[in-house]
Protein backbone atom coordinates (compact mmCIF):
# COMPACT_ATOMS: atom_id res chain seq x y z
CA UNK A 1 109.45 83.20 209.34
CA UNK A 2 110.44 79.63 208.65
CA UNK A 3 113.98 78.35 208.36
CA UNK A 4 114.85 77.20 204.81
CA UNK A 5 118.60 76.55 204.62
CA UNK A 6 122.04 77.75 205.63
CA UNK A 7 124.34 79.66 203.31
CA UNK A 8 128.10 80.36 203.43
CA UNK A 9 129.55 82.97 205.81
CA UNK A 10 127.06 82.36 208.64
CA UNK A 11 124.07 83.47 206.56
CA UNK A 12 120.63 81.84 206.62
CA UNK A 13 117.64 81.80 204.28
CA UNK A 14 114.14 82.07 205.77
CA UNK A 15 110.69 81.96 204.19
CA UNK A 16 108.38 84.94 204.72
CA UNK A 17 105.07 83.43 205.81
CA UNK A 18 102.82 86.36 206.78
CA UNK A 19 101.92 89.72 205.31
CA UNK A 20 103.43 91.32 208.42
CA UNK A 21 106.78 89.68 207.72
CA UNK A 22 106.59 90.84 204.09
CA UNK A 23 105.76 94.37 205.28
CA UNK A 24 108.78 94.39 207.60
CA UNK A 25 110.98 93.09 204.77
CA UNK A 26 109.74 95.90 202.52
CA UNK A 27 110.58 98.51 205.14
CA UNK A 28 113.99 97.11 205.99
CA UNK A 29 115.00 96.42 202.38
CA UNK A 30 113.33 99.50 200.83
CA UNK A 31 111.47 97.63 198.09
CA UNK A 32 107.97 96.36 197.28
CA UNK A 33 108.01 92.71 198.36
CA UNK A 34 104.93 93.36 200.53
CA UNK A 35 102.90 94.40 197.48
CA UNK A 36 103.95 91.29 195.55
CA UNK A 37 103.34 89.01 198.56
CA UNK A 38 99.83 90.42 199.05
CA UNK A 39 98.98 90.12 195.33
CA UNK A 40 100.16 86.49 195.12
CA UNK A 41 98.34 85.56 198.32
CA UNK A 42 95.10 87.06 196.97
CA UNK A 43 95.48 85.07 193.73
CA UNK A 44 95.97 81.86 195.69
CA UNK A 45 92.96 82.61 197.91
CA UNK A 46 90.77 83.27 194.88
CA UNK A 47 91.75 79.97 193.28
CA UNK A 48 90.94 77.88 196.37
CA UNK A 49 88.07 75.45 195.90
CA UNK A 50 86.74 73.72 199.04
CA UNK A 51 86.27 69.98 198.86
CA UNK A 52 82.90 68.95 197.52
CA UNK A 53 80.41 67.77 200.08
CA UNK A 54 81.91 69.49 203.11
CA UNK A 55 79.74 71.46 205.49
CA UNK A 56 79.92 75.26 205.31
CA UNK A 57 81.80 75.50 208.60
CA UNK A 58 84.46 73.04 207.34
CA UNK A 59 85.07 74.58 203.92
CA UNK A 60 88.17 76.57 204.89
CA UNK A 61 89.95 73.80 206.80
CA UNK A 62 92.57 73.21 204.11
CA UNK A 63 92.60 76.74 202.74
CA UNK A 64 95.79 77.99 204.42
CA UNK A 65 97.75 74.88 203.42
CA UNK A 66 96.51 75.29 199.84
CA UNK A 67 97.56 78.96 199.75
CA UNK A 68 101.05 78.16 201.03
CA UNK A 69 101.48 75.42 198.40
CA UNK A 70 100.09 77.57 195.58
CA UNK A 71 101.79 80.91 196.00
CA UNK A 72 105.41 81.70 195.15
CA UNK A 73 108.00 81.39 197.89
CA UNK A 74 109.12 84.69 199.36
CA UNK A 75 112.50 84.37 201.04
CA UNK A 76 114.94 86.54 202.95
CA UNK A 77 118.65 86.08 203.51
CA UNK A 78 119.68 87.11 207.01
CA UNK A 79 123.00 87.51 208.77
CA UNK A 80 123.69 86.17 212.28
CA UNK A 81 122.20 89.37 213.77
CA UNK A 82 118.97 89.04 211.81
CA UNK A 83 119.72 91.82 209.34
CA UNK A 84 117.98 91.40 205.98
CA UNK A 85 120.46 91.22 203.08
CA UNK A 86 118.67 89.75 200.07
CA UNK A 87 115.03 89.08 199.16
CA UNK A 88 114.02 86.35 196.73
CA UNK A 89 110.79 85.22 195.12
CA UNK A 90 110.80 81.69 193.71
CA UNK A 91 108.08 79.62 191.99
CA UNK A 92 105.66 77.71 194.23
CA UNK A 93 107.48 74.99 196.19
CA UNK A 94 110.71 76.31 194.66
CA UNK A 95 110.05 74.21 191.56
CA UNK A 96 108.67 74.67 188.09
CA UNK A 97 108.94 77.10 185.24
CA UNK A 98 107.83 80.21 187.07
CA UNK A 99 110.12 83.20 187.22
CA UNK A 100 112.41 84.10 190.06
CA UNK A 101 113.40 87.51 191.38
CA UNK A 102 116.42 88.15 193.58
CA UNK A 103 117.14 91.69 194.83
CA UNK A 104 119.14 93.48 197.48
CA UNK A 105 118.29 96.62 199.48
CA UNK A 106 116.55 99.23 197.34
CA UNK A 107 116.39 96.68 194.48
CA UNK A 108 120.20 96.75 194.18
CA UNK A 109 122.07 93.85 192.63
CA UNK A 110 122.86 91.33 195.41
CA UNK A 111 124.97 89.02 193.24
CA UNK A 112 128.40 90.66 193.64
CA UNK A 113 128.30 90.28 197.42
CA UNK A 114 125.96 87.31 197.96
CA UNK A 115 126.37 85.05 194.90
CA UNK A 116 127.44 82.07 197.03
CA UNK A 117 124.44 82.47 199.34
CA UNK A 118 122.08 82.75 196.36
CA UNK A 119 123.69 79.64 194.84
CA UNK A 120 123.13 77.80 198.15
CA UNK A 121 119.42 78.64 197.96
CA UNK A 122 119.25 77.43 194.37
CA UNK A 123 121.05 74.23 195.33
CA UNK A 124 118.60 73.66 198.18
CA UNK A 125 115.67 73.76 195.74
CA UNK A 126 117.52 72.13 192.84
CA UNK A 127 117.22 75.17 190.56
CA UNK A 128 119.63 77.67 189.05
CA UNK A 129 119.33 81.22 190.34
CA UNK A 130 121.64 83.02 187.95
CA UNK A 131 121.88 86.78 187.75
CA UNK A 132 120.84 86.95 184.10
CA UNK A 133 117.43 85.42 184.75
CA UNK A 134 116.72 86.42 188.35
CA UNK A 135 117.95 89.98 188.78
CA UNK A 136 115.31 92.09 186.99
CA UNK A 137 117.11 95.45 187.07
CA UNK A 138 120.39 94.52 185.35
CA UNK A 139 121.66 97.12 182.96
């Protein structure tokens, strides 16, 4: 995981970088972030085009950096003990018109308890992460 930003009440946002981290998040949070992470990573891998004129052995040199830039950001909010509290998926680089998803354990609504932490993440990326557009299971 990579540090992203601090949030109120001693909470911290981290980026999920590997499939293993996404799998652990899925288990701890009881939702399908691993499936979405894997799907988005595969899409980014399929769209990678090596630089023209490079030797076969060199063609994947920039592949991992390309994948990380191209796929959505998968993030986890953690408390000071490392407990997962909220999972978020933002557009690539945290910018653009792509959709966002913000969920709590078991896809519960995290906004009542963690609205200020979610707002801190949005502020960090310069985007609005409001409940109406980011929480997909609102009733």
